[in-house]
Amino acid sequence: MSSALERWCSYILLSMLAREGSVELFVGLRMYNSLVERCFTDCVDTFRRKTLDKQEETCVRRCAEKFLKHSMRVGMRFAELNNNAATKDD
């Protein structure tokens, strides 16, 4: 899917979910999809078997751990910045 079409589909889906109050669900699903796509692309080279080999499995596990740790760190940093901004306003 082209990036323009992808953005348009995301916009439409986000608009629909916003009406239903499910924006958090959309953001979570988008993050999960990004994680799966990135780790699969980086770690799986061939389709020799139905299951992952040991090297691919290790790569996927490390990729997912790094992605989740990074996401948590970014979230914590945003919270820190938000708290600092709220403190300055008082």
Protein backbone atom coordinates (compact mmCIF):
# COMPACT_ATOMS: atom_id res chain seq x y z
CA MET A 1 0.00 0.00 0.00
CA SER A 2 1.39 3.44 -0.85
CA SER A 3 2.17 5.77 2.02
CA ALA A 4 -0.45 8.33 0.89
CA LEU A 5 -3.11 5.64 0.73
CA GLU A 6 -1.92 4.24 4.06
CA ARG A 7 -2.22 7.68 5.70
CA TRP A 8 -5.68 8.16 4.20
CA CYS A 9 -6.86 4.76 5.48
CA SER A 10 -5.40 5.54 8.91
CA TYR A 11 -7.18 8.89 8.93
CA ILE A 12 -10.52 7.31 8.01
CA LEU A 13 -10.11 4.57 10.61
CA LEU A 14 -9.04 7.05 13.29
CA SER A 15 -12.06 9.25 12.50
CA MET A 16 -14.42 6.29 12.81
CA LEU A 17 -12.85 5.12 16.06
CA ALA A 18 -12.84 8.64 17.51
CA ARG A 19 -16.60 8.76 17.11
CA GLU A 20 -16.80 5.55 19.11
CA GLY A 21 -14.23 6.62 21.72
CA SER A 22 -11.72 3.95 20.71
CA VAL A 23 -8.72 6.09 19.81
CA GLU A 24 -6.55 4.33 22.41
CA LEU A 25 -7.40 0.99 20.82
CA PHE A 26 -6.41 2.30 17.39
CA VAL A 27 -3.10 3.64 18.69
CA GLY A 28 -2.35 0.34 20.44
CA LEU A 29 -3.18 -1.70 17.35
CA ARG A 30 -1.08 0.57 15.19
CA MET A 31 1.89 0.20 17.55
CA TYR A 32 1.47 -3.58 17.61
CA ASN A 33 1.27 -3.73 13.82
CA SER A 34 4.40 -1.61 13.53
CA LEU A 35 6.24 -3.93 15.93
CA VAL A 36 5.23 -7.07 14.03
CA GLU A 37 6.11 -5.60 10.63
CA ARG A 38 9.48 -4.25 11.74
CA CYS A 39 10.62 -7.38 13.57
CA PHE A 40 9.40 -9.73 10.84
CA THR A 41 11.13 -7.69 8.13
CA ASP A 42 14.38 -7.49 10.10
CA CYS A 43 14.51 -11.09 11.32
CA VAL A 44 12.88 -13.42 8.80
CA ASP A 45 14.91 -13.91 5.62
CA THR A 46 13.54 -17.10 4.14
CA PHE A 47 10.47 -19.29 4.30
CA ARG A 48 12.20 -22.66 4.60
CA ARG A 49 9.85 -23.96 7.29
CA LYS A 50 6.49 -23.18 8.87
CA THR A 51 8.15 -22.29 12.17
CA LEU A 52 10.94 -19.88 12.98
CA ASP A 53 14.40 -21.32 13.34
CA LYS A 54 16.40 -20.63 16.52
CA GLN A 55 18.22 -17.62 15.06
CA GLU A 56 15.01 -16.01 13.77
CA GLU A 57 13.24 -16.65 17.06
CA THR A 58 16.06 -15.02 19.03
CA CYS A 59 16.10 -12.05 16.65
CA VAL A 60 12.32 -11.54 16.91
CA ARG A 61 12.42 -11.76 20.71
CA ARG A 62 15.25 -9.21 20.96
CA CYS A 63 13.57 -6.92 18.44
CA ALA A 64 10.29 -6.98 20.35
CA GLU A 65 12.03 -6.38 23.69
CA LYS A 66 13.95 -3.40 22.29
CA PHE A 67 10.81 -1.95 20.71
CA LEU A 68 8.80 -2.27 23.92
CA LYS A 69 11.60 -0.88 26.13
CA HIS A 70 11.99 2.05 23.76
CA SER A 71 8.23 2.70 23.73
CA MET A 72 8.11 2.61 27.53
CA ARG A 73 11.06 5.00 27.79
CA VAL A 74 9.49 7.43 25.33
CA GLY A 75 6.21 7.28 27.27
CA MET A 76 8.03 7.97 30.55
CA ARG A 77 9.87 10.90 28.98
CA PHE A 78 6.62 12.40 27.67
CA ALA A 79 5.13 12.03 31.16
CA GLU A 80 8.15 13.81 32.67
CA LEU A 81 7.86 16.65 30.18
CA ASN A 82 4.11 16.88 30.77
CA ASN A 83 4.63 17.04 34.55
CA ASN A 84 7.31 19.72 34.15
CA ALA A 85 5.02 21.78 31.93
CA ALA A 86 2.14 21.41 34.41
CA THR A 87 4.42 22.43 37.31
CA LYS A 88 5.56 25.56 35.46
CA ASP A 89 1.95 26.58 34.85
CA ASP A 90 1.17 26.54 38.59
